[in-house]
């Protein structure tokens, strides 16, 4: 296992490949991984088990609702990565605009989301002002929520969420077939 910054070869012996950098005639590992030397091509590279890429519009994420305002919700999110990939984000917080809850008019956030809900979302856009999510598609929405009365985990029943402990019924914008 090679760690970032480890010496690999001199630039006179080999050409640096993927996962390397050159400094003062020496080749060093830029990433963690396994050293791969190609004697025929006289090159050295570092193979990584995972590929790191930046967060992009269209990526899916699971998000926890932290705060609700009149027209925007503040959410802490974690991007969903595929096997062999890691998604890097410069920020773990994102915004959900009220217009991105469903197609059509939405008057109040509380009719669809509550603080503490976990939602499956998609990255709508990334700007200098922040990361914006959407849950307007049918497969996106609340996947886990708790009762406002007793804090027990709610269960989906048809178009409403029902508390198994106290029987309280609450409305949420649920993700189709996606519940923990």
N, C-alpha and C. Protein backbone atom coordinates (compact mmCIF):
# COMPACT_ATOMS: atom_id res chain seq x y z
N UNK A 1 0.85 -1.18 0.00
CA UNK A 1 0.00 0.00 0.00
C UNK A 1 0.90 1.24 0.00
N UNK A 2 0.63 2.12 -0.94
CA UNK A 2 1.37 3.37 -1.08
C UNK A 2 0.50 4.50 -0.54
N UNK A 3 1.10 5.40 0.22
CA UNK A 3 0.39 6.55 0.77
C UNK A 3 0.78 7.82 0.02
N UNK A 4 -0.07 8.83 0.02
CA UNK A 4 0.28 10.08 -0.66
C UNK A 4 1.58 10.66 -0.13
N UNK A 5 2.43 11.11 -1.07
CA UNK A 5 3.72 11.70 -0.69
C UNK A 5 4.87 10.73 -0.69
N UNK A 6 4.62 9.43 -0.84
CA UNK A 6 5.71 8.44 -0.84
C UNK A 6 6.48 8.51 -2.16
N UNK A 7 7.80 8.37 -2.06
CA UNK A 7 8.67 8.38 -3.23
C UNK A 7 8.44 7.11 -4.04
N UNK A 8 8.34 7.26 -5.38
CA UNK A 8 8.12 6.12 -6.27
C UNK A 8 9.33 5.85 -7.16
N UNK A 9 9.87 6.88 -7.81
CA UNK A 9 11.00 6.73 -8.72
C UNK A 9 11.50 8.13 -9.08
N UNK A 10 12.60 8.16 -9.83
CA UNK A 10 13.05 9.45 -10.34
C UNK A 10 12.46 9.64 -11.73
N UNK A 11 12.36 10.88 -12.16
CA UNK A 11 11.79 11.16 -13.49
C UNK A 11 12.73 10.73 -14.60
N UNK A 12 14.00 10.43 -14.28
CA UNK A 12 14.94 9.91 -15.26
C UNK A 12 14.70 8.42 -15.51
N UNK A 13 14.21 7.70 -14.48
CA UNK A 13 13.95 6.26 -14.60
C UNK A 13 12.60 5.98 -15.25
N UNK A 14 11.59 6.75 -14.86
CA UNK A 14 10.22 6.46 -15.27
C UNK A 14 9.46 7.74 -15.56
N UNK A 15 8.36 7.55 -16.29
CA UNK A 15 7.41 8.62 -16.55
C UNK A 15 6.27 8.48 -15.55
N UNK A 16 5.84 9.57 -14.97
CA UNK A 16 4.74 9.53 -14.01
C UNK A 16 3.41 9.30 -14.70
N UNK A 17 2.60 8.44 -14.13
CA UNK A 17 1.27 8.15 -14.67
C UNK A 17 0.19 8.65 -13.74
N UNK A 18 -0.97 8.01 -13.82
CA UNK A 18 -2.13 8.38 -13.00
C UNK A 18 -1.80 8.22 -11.52
N UNK A 19 -2.20 9.19 -10.72
CA UNK A 19 -2.02 9.12 -9.28
C UNK A 19 -0.63 9.50 -8.81
N UNK A 20 0.14 10.19 -9.67
CA UNK A 20 1.49 10.61 -9.28
C UNK A 20 1.68 12.10 -9.54
N UNK A 21 2.72 12.66 -8.95
CA UNK A 21 3.14 14.02 -9.27
C UNK A 21 4.66 14.08 -9.21
N UNK A 22 5.23 15.04 -9.93
CA UNK A 22 6.67 15.19 -10.00
C UNK A 22 7.10 16.46 -9.28
N UNK A 23 8.16 16.32 -8.51
CA UNK A 23 8.73 17.47 -7.80
C UNK A 23 10.24 17.32 -7.75
N UNK A 24 10.95 18.29 -8.32
CA UNK A 24 12.42 18.30 -8.33
C UNK A 24 13.02 17.01 -8.89
N UNK A 25 12.44 16.52 -9.98
CA UNK A 25 12.98 15.32 -10.64
C UNK A 25 12.61 14.01 -9.98
N UNK A 26 11.74 14.03 -9.01
CA UNK A 26 11.32 12.80 -8.31
C UNK A 26 9.82 12.62 -8.47
N UNK A 27 9.38 11.37 -8.60
CA UNK A 27 7.96 11.04 -8.72
C UNK A 27 7.43 10.58 -7.37
N UNK A 28 6.30 11.12 -6.96
CA UNK A 28 5.68 10.80 -5.69
C UNK A 28 4.23 10.36 -5.91
N UNK A 29 3.70 9.62 -4.96
CA UNK A 29 2.30 9.20 -5.00
C UNK A 29 1.42 10.39 -4.62
N UNK A 30 0.38 10.63 -5.41
CA UNK A 30 -0.56 11.70 -5.11
C UNK A 30 -1.78 11.18 -4.37
N UNK A 31 -2.02 9.86 -4.45
CA UNK A 31 -3.18 9.23 -3.84
C UNK A 31 -2.77 7.94 -3.14
N UNK A 32 -3.65 7.44 -2.31
CA UNK A 32 -3.43 6.15 -1.65
C UNK A 32 -3.79 5.05 -2.62
N UNK A 33 -2.99 3.98 -2.65
CA UNK A 33 -3.30 2.87 -3.54
C UNK A 33 -2.13 1.91 -3.67
N UNK A 34 -2.10 1.22 -4.81
CA UNK A 34 -1.07 0.22 -5.08
C UNK A 34 -0.18 0.72 -6.22
N UNK A 35 1.14 0.59 -6.02
CA UNK A 35 2.08 1.04 -7.04
C UNK A 35 2.04 0.07 -8.22
N UNK A 36 1.95 0.64 -9.44
CA UNK A 36 1.93 -0.16 -10.66
C UNK A 36 3.08 0.34 -11.54
N UNK A 37 4.03 -0.56 -11.81
CA UNK A 37 5.19 -0.20 -12.64
C UNK A 37 5.08 -0.93 -13.98
N UNK A 38 5.23 -0.21 -15.06
CA UNK A 38 5.22 -0.78 -16.40
C UNK A 38 6.63 -0.63 -16.95
N UNK A 39 7.39 -1.75 -16.92
CA UNK A 39 8.80 -1.70 -17.33
C UNK A 39 8.96 -1.44 -18.82
N UNK A 40 8.03 -1.94 -19.64
CA UNK A 40 8.13 -1.73 -21.09
C UNK A 40 7.92 -0.26 -21.44
N UNK A 41 6.92 0.36 -20.83
CA UNK A 41 6.64 1.77 -21.10
C UNK A 41 7.47 2.70 -20.22
N UNK A 42 8.18 2.09 -19.27
CA UNK A 42 9.01 2.84 -18.33
C UNK A 42 8.19 3.90 -17.61
N UNK A 43 7.04 3.45 -17.06
CA UNK A 43 6.17 4.38 -16.33
C UNK A 43 5.80 3.79 -14.97
N UNK A 44 5.40 4.65 -14.09
CA UNK A 44 4.94 4.24 -12.77
C UNK A 44 3.66 5.02 -12.46
N UNK A 45 2.68 4.33 -11.86
CA UNK A 45 1.42 4.97 -11.51
C UNK A 45 0.93 4.38 -10.19
N UNK A 46 -0.14 4.96 -9.67
CA UNK A 46 -0.75 4.46 -8.44
C UNK A 46 -2.21 4.15 -8.74
N UNK A 47 -2.58 2.88 -8.58
CA UNK A 47 -3.96 2.44 -8.82
C UNK A 47 -4.73 2.56 -7.51
N UNK A 48 -5.85 3.24 -7.56
CA UNK A 48 -6.67 3.42 -6.36
C UNK A 48 -7.88 2.51 -6.42
N UNK A 49 -8.30 1.95 -5.27
CA UNK A 49 -9.49 1.10 -5.27
C UNK A 49 -10.78 1.87 -5.49
N UNK A 50 -10.77 3.16 -5.17
CA UNK A 50 -11.96 3.98 -5.37
C UNK A 50 -11.61 5.21 -6.19
N UNK A 51 -12.57 5.65 -6.95
CA UNK A 51 -12.42 6.86 -7.75
C UNK A 51 -13.16 7.98 -7.03
N UNK A 52 -12.49 9.09 -6.81
CA UNK A 52 -13.10 10.23 -6.15
C UNK A 52 -13.50 11.24 -7.23
N UNK A 53 -14.76 11.65 -7.20
CA UNK A 53 -15.23 12.64 -8.16
C UNK A 53 -16.03 13.70 -7.43
N UNK A 54 -16.13 14.89 -7.99
CA UNK A 54 -16.89 15.96 -7.33
C UNK A 54 -18.39 15.74 -7.44
N UNK A 55 -19.11 16.28 -6.50
CA UNK A 55 -20.57 16.26 -6.52
C UNK A 55 -21.06 16.98 -7.78
N UNK A 56 -22.10 16.42 -8.41
CA UNK A 56 -22.62 17.01 -9.65
C UNK A 56 -24.13 17.01 -9.62
N UNK A 57 -24.72 17.88 -10.42
CA UNK A 57 -26.18 17.90 -10.57
C UNK A 57 -26.61 16.53 -11.08
N UNK A 58 -27.69 16.00 -10.51
CA UNK A 58 -28.18 14.68 -10.88
C UNK A 58 -27.80 13.59 -9.90
N UNK A 59 -26.81 13.84 -9.04
CA UNK A 59 -26.42 12.85 -8.03
C UNK A 59 -27.52 12.71 -6.99
N UNK A 60 -27.69 11.50 -6.47
CA UNK A 60 -28.67 11.26 -5.42
C UNK A 60 -28.01 11.41 -4.06
N UNK A 61 -28.83 11.74 -3.05
CA UNK A 61 -28.32 11.94 -1.70
C UNK A 61 -29.41 11.62 -0.70
N UNK A 62 -29.02 11.25 0.51
CA UNK A 62 -29.94 11.15 1.63
C UNK A 62 -29.68 12.36 2.50
N UNK A 63 -30.76 13.00 2.94
CA UNK A 63 -30.62 14.26 3.67
C UNK A 63 -31.50 14.27 4.92
N UNK A 64 -31.01 14.91 5.96
CA UNK A 64 -31.73 15.09 7.21
C UNK A 64 -32.22 16.53 7.27
N UNK A 65 -33.51 16.73 7.49
CA UNK A 65 -34.08 18.07 7.56
C UNK A 65 -33.66 18.70 8.90
N UNK A 66 -32.90 19.80 8.82
CA UNK A 66 -32.43 20.49 10.03
C UNK A 66 -33.34 21.63 10.43
N UNK A 67 -33.83 22.39 9.44
CA UNK A 67 -34.66 23.54 9.76
C UNK A 67 -35.59 23.84 8.59
N UNK A 68 -36.78 24.35 8.92
CA UNK A 68 -37.76 24.72 7.91
C UNK A 68 -38.06 26.21 8.04
N UNK A 69 -38.03 26.90 6.91
CA UNK A 69 -38.37 28.31 6.86
C UNK A 69 -39.59 28.46 5.93
N UNK A 70 -39.99 29.68 5.63
CA UNK A 70 -41.15 29.91 4.77
C UNK A 70 -41.00 29.28 3.39
N UNK A 71 -39.84 29.50 2.75
CA UNK A 71 -39.70 29.05 1.37
C UNK A 71 -38.50 28.14 1.12
N UNK A 72 -37.77 27.79 2.17
CA UNK A 72 -36.59 26.94 2.00
C UNK A 72 -36.36 26.08 3.25
N UNK A 73 -35.81 24.90 3.04
CA UNK A 73 -35.44 24.01 4.15
C UNK A 73 -33.93 23.83 4.14
N UNK A 74 -33.32 23.81 5.31
CA UNK A 74 -31.90 23.55 5.45
C UNK A 74 -31.73 22.07 5.76
N UNK A 75 -30.87 21.40 4.98
CA UNK A 75 -30.71 19.95 5.12
C UNK A 75 -29.24 19.58 5.16
N UNK A 76 -28.90 18.60 6.00
CA UNK A 76 -27.57 18.02 6.01
C UNK A 76 -27.64 16.76 5.16
N UNK A 77 -26.74 16.62 4.18
CA UNK A 77 -26.87 15.51 3.25
C UNK A 77 -25.59 14.71 3.10
N UNK A 78 -25.76 13.49 2.59
CA UNK A 78 -24.65 12.59 2.27
C UNK A 78 -24.92 12.03 0.88
N UNK A 79 -24.03 12.29 -0.10
CA UNK A 79 -24.26 11.77 -1.45
C UNK A 79 -24.24 10.24 -1.48
N UNK A 80 -25.01 9.67 -2.38
CA UNK A 80 -25.06 8.22 -2.57
C UNK A 80 -23.99 7.85 -3.59
N UNK A 81 -23.02 7.04 -3.18
CA UNK A 81 -21.92 6.63 -4.06
C UNK A 81 -22.15 5.21 -4.55
N UNK A 82 -21.69 4.95 -5.76
CA UNK A 82 -21.71 3.59 -6.29
C UNK A 82 -20.47 2.87 -5.80
N UNK A 83 -20.45 1.54 -5.96
CA UNK A 83 -19.29 0.75 -5.54
C UNK A 83 -18.06 1.20 -6.33
N UNK A 84 -16.95 1.39 -5.64
CA UNK A 84 -15.71 1.80 -6.27
C UNK A 84 -15.62 3.29 -6.55
N UNK A 85 -16.54 4.06 -5.97
CA UNK A 85 -16.57 5.50 -6.22
C UNK A 85 -16.85 6.23 -4.91
N UNK A 86 -16.29 7.41 -4.79
CA UNK A 86 -16.58 8.27 -3.65
C UNK A 86 -16.87 9.66 -4.19
N UNK A 87 -17.93 10.27 -3.69
CA UNK A 87 -18.30 11.60 -4.15
C UNK A 87 -17.85 12.62 -3.11
N UNK A 88 -17.07 13.57 -3.55
CA UNK A 88 -16.56 14.61 -2.66
C UNK A 88 -17.41 15.87 -2.81
N UNK A 89 -17.75 16.46 -1.68
CA UNK A 89 -18.54 17.69 -1.69
C UNK A 89 -17.85 18.72 -0.81
N UNK A 90 -17.88 19.97 -1.22
CA UNK A 90 -17.26 21.03 -0.45
C UNK A 90 -18.11 21.45 0.75
N UNK A 91 -19.33 20.94 0.82
CA UNK A 91 -20.26 21.33 1.87
C UNK A 91 -21.20 20.16 2.17
N UNK A 92 -21.56 19.95 3.42
CA UNK A 92 -22.49 18.89 3.79
C UNK A 92 -23.91 19.40 3.98
N UNK A 93 -24.12 20.69 3.76
CA UNK A 93 -25.45 21.28 3.91
C UNK A 93 -25.98 21.71 2.56
N UNK A 94 -27.28 21.56 2.40
CA UNK A 94 -27.93 21.94 1.14
C UNK A 94 -29.27 22.57 1.45
N UNK A 95 -29.86 23.17 0.44
CA UNK A 95 -31.16 23.82 0.56
C UNK A 95 -32.18 23.08 -0.30
N UNK A 96 -33.41 23.04 0.20
CA UNK A 96 -34.54 22.52 -0.57
C UNK A 96 -35.55 23.66 -0.67
N UNK A 97 -35.75 24.15 -1.89
CA UNK A 97 -36.73 25.22 -2.09
C UNK A 97 -38.13 24.64 -2.03
N UNK A 98 -39.10 25.42 -1.60
CA UNK A 98 -40.48 24.95 -1.49
C UNK A 98 -41.02 24.53 -2.86
N UNK A 99 -40.52 25.13 -3.93
CA UNK A 99 -40.96 24.79 -5.29
C UNK A 99 -40.41 23.44 -5.75
N UNK A 100 -39.46 22.85 -5.01
CA UNK A 100 -38.87 21.57 -5.39
C UNK A 100 -39.43 20.39 -4.59
N UNK A 101 -40.57 20.59 -3.91
CA UNK A 101 -41.19 19.50 -3.16
C UNK A 101 -42.05 18.64 -4.06
N UNK A 102 -42.83 19.27 -4.90
CA UNK A 102 -43.72 18.54 -5.80
C UNK A 102 -43.98 19.39 -7.03
N UNK A 103 -44.52 18.77 -8.04
CA UNK A 103 -44.92 19.51 -9.23
C UNK A 103 -46.22 20.25 -8.86
N UNK A 104 -46.28 21.52 -9.14
CA UNK A 104 -47.45 22.30 -8.78
C UNK A 104 -47.20 23.16 -7.56
N UNK A 105 -48.27 23.75 -7.04
CA UNK A 105 -48.16 24.71 -5.95
C UNK A 105 -48.07 24.02 -4.59
N UNK A 106 -47.17 24.50 -3.75
CA UNK A 106 -47.01 24.03 -2.38
C UNK A 106 -47.09 25.25 -1.47
N UNK A 107 -48.04 25.24 -0.53
CA UNK A 107 -48.22 26.41 0.32
C UNK A 107 -47.33 26.38 1.56
N UNK A 108 -47.25 25.22 2.24
CA UNK A 108 -46.49 25.13 3.49
C UNK A 108 -45.59 23.89 3.48
N UNK A 109 -44.35 24.08 3.95
CA UNK A 109 -43.42 22.95 4.09
C UNK A 109 -43.98 21.88 5.02
N UNK A 110 -44.60 22.30 6.12
CA UNK A 110 -45.06 21.36 7.14
C UNK A 110 -46.11 20.37 6.64
N UNK A 111 -46.71 20.65 5.47
CA UNK A 111 -47.64 19.68 4.88
C UNK A 111 -46.90 18.51 4.24
N UNK A 112 -45.58 18.63 4.05
CA UNK A 112 -44.82 17.62 3.33
C UNK A 112 -43.56 17.15 4.06
N UNK A 113 -42.98 17.99 4.91
CA UNK A 113 -41.73 17.68 5.62
C UNK A 113 -41.80 18.18 7.04
N UNK A 114 -41.03 17.54 7.92
CA UNK A 114 -40.86 18.01 9.30
C UNK A 114 -39.38 17.94 9.66
N UNK A 115 -38.98 18.73 10.64
CA UNK A 115 -37.60 18.67 11.12
C UNK A 115 -37.34 17.27 11.66
N UNK A 116 -36.20 16.70 11.26
CA UNK A 116 -35.82 15.35 11.68
C UNK A 116 -36.14 14.28 10.65
N UNK A 117 -36.90 14.61 9.61
CA UNK A 117 -37.19 13.63 8.55
C UNK A 117 -35.92 13.34 7.75
N UNK A 118 -35.82 12.11 7.28
CA UNK A 118 -34.75 11.72 6.37
C UNK A 118 -35.37 11.57 5.00
N UNK A 119 -34.79 12.24 4.00
CA UNK A 119 -35.35 12.21 2.65
C UNK A 119 -34.32 11.71 1.65
N UNK A 120 -34.82 11.07 0.61
CA UNK A 120 -34.00 10.73 -0.55
C UNK A 120 -34.21 11.88 -1.52
N UNK A 121 -33.12 12.52 -1.96
CA UNK A 121 -33.20 13.69 -2.82
C UNK A 121 -32.22 13.58 -3.97
N UNK A 122 -32.36 14.49 -4.91
CA UNK A 122 -31.45 14.58 -6.05
C UNK A 122 -30.88 16.00 -6.06
N UNK A 123 -29.59 16.11 -6.39
CA UNK A 123 -28.96 17.42 -6.49
C UNK A 123 -29.51 18.12 -7.72
N UNK A 124 -30.15 19.27 -7.51
CA UNK A 124 -30.75 20.04 -8.60
C UNK A 124 -29.72 20.95 -9.24
N UNK A 125 -29.00 21.71 -8.40
CA UNK A 125 -27.96 22.59 -8.92
C UNK A 125 -26.94 22.91 -7.84
N UNK A 126 -25.75 23.26 -8.30
CA UNK A 126 -24.67 23.66 -7.41
C UNK A 126 -24.23 25.04 -7.86
N UNK A 127 -24.36 26.01 -6.95
CA UNK A 127 -23.97 27.39 -7.27
C UNK A 127 -22.99 27.89 -6.22
N UNK A 128 -22.50 29.08 -6.42
CA UNK A 128 -21.60 29.68 -5.43
C UNK A 128 -22.34 30.00 -4.13
N UNK A 129 -23.67 30.10 -4.20
CA UNK A 129 -24.47 30.37 -3.00
C UNK A 129 -24.81 29.11 -2.22
N UNK A 130 -24.69 27.93 -2.85
CA UNK A 130 -24.98 26.70 -2.14
C UNK A 130 -25.40 25.57 -3.05
N UNK A 131 -25.76 24.46 -2.42
CA UNK A 131 -26.20 23.25 -3.12
C UNK A 131 -27.71 23.17 -2.94
N UNK A 132 -28.43 22.93 -4.03
CA UNK A 132 -29.89 22.88 -4.00
C UNK A 132 -30.36 21.48 -4.37
N UNK A 133 -31.29 20.96 -3.59
CA UNK A 133 -31.83 19.61 -3.79
C UNK A 133 -33.26 19.69 -4.30
N UNK A 134 -33.77 18.56 -4.82
CA UNK A 134 -35.16 18.43 -5.21
C UNK A 134 -35.70 17.09 -4.73
N UNK A 135 -36.99 17.06 -4.40
CA UNK A 135 -37.68 15.81 -4.09
C UNK A 135 -38.97 15.72 -4.89
N UNK A 136 -39.03 16.46 -6.01
CA UNK A 136 -40.26 16.54 -6.80
C UNK A 136 -40.61 15.24 -7.53
N UNK A 137 -39.61 14.43 -7.89
CA UNK A 137 -39.89 13.18 -8.59
C UNK A 137 -40.54 12.16 -7.65
N UNK A 138 -41.30 11.22 -8.20
CA UNK A 138 -42.06 10.27 -7.38
C UNK A 138 -41.17 9.35 -6.54
N UNK A 139 -39.97 9.00 -7.02
CA UNK A 139 -39.10 8.11 -6.26
C UNK A 139 -38.32 8.85 -5.17
N UNK A 140 -38.51 10.16 -5.08
CA UNK A 140 -37.83 10.97 -4.08
C UNK A 140 -38.80 11.44 -3.02
N UNK A 141 -38.31 11.63 -1.81
CA UNK A 141 -39.15 12.12 -0.72
C UNK A 141 -38.72 11.53 0.61
N UNK A 142 -39.62 11.59 1.57
CA UNK A 142 -39.34 11.12 2.93
C UNK A 142 -39.21 9.59 2.94
N UNK A 143 -38.13 9.11 3.56
CA UNK A 143 -37.92 7.67 3.71
C UNK A 143 -37.96 7.24 5.18
N UNK A 144 -37.83 8.22 6.08
CA UNK A 144 -37.90 7.91 7.52
C UNK A 144 -38.36 9.16 8.25
N UNK A 145 -39.35 9.00 9.14
CA UNK A 145 -39.86 10.13 9.91
C UNK A 145 -40.33 9.65 11.27
N UNK A 146 -40.51 10.61 12.18
CA UNK A 146 -40.93 10.29 13.54
C UNK A 146 -42.20 11.05 13.89
N UNK A 147 -42.96 10.47 14.80
CA UNK A 147 -44.23 11.02 15.24
C UNK A 147 -44.01 12.35 15.97
N UNK A 148 -44.84 13.34 15.67
CA UNK A 148 -44.75 14.64 16.32
C UNK A 148 -45.19 14.56 17.78
N UNK A 149 -46.03 13.58 18.13
CA UNK A 149 -46.51 13.44 19.51
C UNK A 149 -45.56 12.65 20.40
N UNK A 150 -45.22 11.41 19.98
CA UNK A 150 -44.46 10.53 20.87
C UNK A 150 -43.05 10.18 20.38
N UNK A 151 -42.67 10.64 19.20
CA UNK A 151 -41.34 10.44 18.61
C UNK A 151 -41.06 9.02 18.16
N UNK A 152 -42.07 8.14 18.12
CA UNK A 152 -41.89 6.80 17.57
C UNK A 152 -41.75 6.92 16.06
N UNK A 153 -41.10 5.94 15.44
CA UNK A 153 -40.93 5.98 13.99
C UNK A 153 -42.26 5.72 13.29
N UNK A 154 -42.58 6.57 12.33
CA UNK A 154 -43.83 6.43 11.58
C UNK A 154 -43.71 5.35 10.51
N UNK A 155 -44.86 4.73 10.21
CA UNK A 155 -44.91 3.71 9.16
C UNK A 155 -45.80 4.20 8.04
N UNK A 156 -45.39 3.97 6.78
CA UNK A 156 -46.23 4.41 5.65
C UNK A 156 -47.46 3.51 5.51
N UNK A 157 -48.62 4.13 5.35
CA UNK A 157 -49.87 3.41 5.09
C UNK A 157 -50.64 4.20 4.05
N UNK A 158 -50.57 3.74 2.82
CA UNK A 158 -51.22 4.47 1.74
C UNK A 158 -50.54 5.80 1.51
N UNK A 159 -51.32 6.89 1.62
CA UNK A 159 -50.77 8.23 1.37
C UNK A 159 -50.40 8.96 2.66
N UNK A 160 -50.52 8.31 3.82
CA UNK A 160 -50.19 8.95 5.10
C UNK A 160 -49.19 8.11 5.87
N UNK A 161 -48.58 8.72 6.87
CA UNK A 161 -47.67 8.03 7.79
C UNK A 161 -48.41 7.86 9.11
N UNK A 162 -48.38 6.65 9.66
CA UNK A 162 -49.12 6.34 10.88
C UNK A 162 -48.15 5.90 11.97
N UNK A 163 -48.38 6.41 13.17
CA UNK A 163 -47.55 6.03 14.32
C UNK A 163 -48.09 4.73 14.90
N UNK A 164 -47.26 3.69 15.00
CA UNK A 164 -47.72 2.43 15.57
C UNK A 164 -47.94 2.50 17.09
N UNK A 165 -47.32 3.48 17.75
CA UNK A 165 -47.42 3.61 19.20
C UNK A 165 -48.69 4.34 19.64
N UNK A 166 -48.97 5.49 19.04
CA UNK A 166 -50.10 6.30 19.51
C UNK A 166 -51.23 6.44 18.48
N UNK A 167 -51.01 5.97 17.25
CA UNK A 167 -52.05 6.03 16.23
C UNK A 167 -52.14 7.35 15.50
N UNK A 168 -51.26 8.30 15.80
CA UNK A 168 -51.25 9.61 15.14
C UNK A 168 -51.01 9.44 13.64
N UNK A 169 -51.74 10.21 12.82
CA UNK A 169 -51.57 10.18 11.37
C UNK A 169 -50.98 11.51 10.93
N UNK A 170 -49.94 11.44 10.08
CA UNK A 170 -49.28 12.65 9.59
C UNK A 170 -49.07 12.56 8.09
N UNK A 171 -49.15 13.70 7.43
CA UNK A 171 -48.94 13.80 5.98
C UNK A 171 -47.47 14.07 5.69
N UNK A 172 -46.91 13.37 4.71
CA UNK A 172 -45.54 13.60 4.24
C UNK A 172 -45.50 13.40 2.73
N UNK A 173 -44.49 13.97 2.09
CA UNK A 173 -44.23 13.70 0.67
C UNK A 173 -43.30 12.50 0.69
N UNK A 174 -43.86 11.30 0.54
CA UNK A 174 -43.11 10.06 0.68
C UNK A 174 -42.45 9.64 -0.63
N UNK A 175 -41.29 9.00 -0.51
CA UNK A 175 -40.62 8.42 -1.66
C UNK A 175 -41.33 7.11 -1.99
N UNK A 176 -41.58 6.87 -3.25
CA UNK A 176 -42.28 5.66 -3.68
C UNK A 176 -41.43 4.43 -3.40
N UNK A 177 -41.89 3.57 -2.47
CA UNK A 177 -41.24 2.29 -2.18
C UNK A 177 -39.86 2.37 -1.57
N UNK A 178 -39.50 3.45 -0.91
CA UNK A 178 -38.16 3.63 -0.34
C UNK A 178 -38.24 3.97 1.14
N UNK A 179 -38.41 2.99 1.99
CA UNK A 179 -38.48 3.27 3.43
C UNK A 179 -37.53 2.37 4.18
N UNK A 180 -36.88 2.95 5.19
CA UNK A 180 -35.91 2.19 6.01
C UNK A 180 -36.65 1.34 7.00
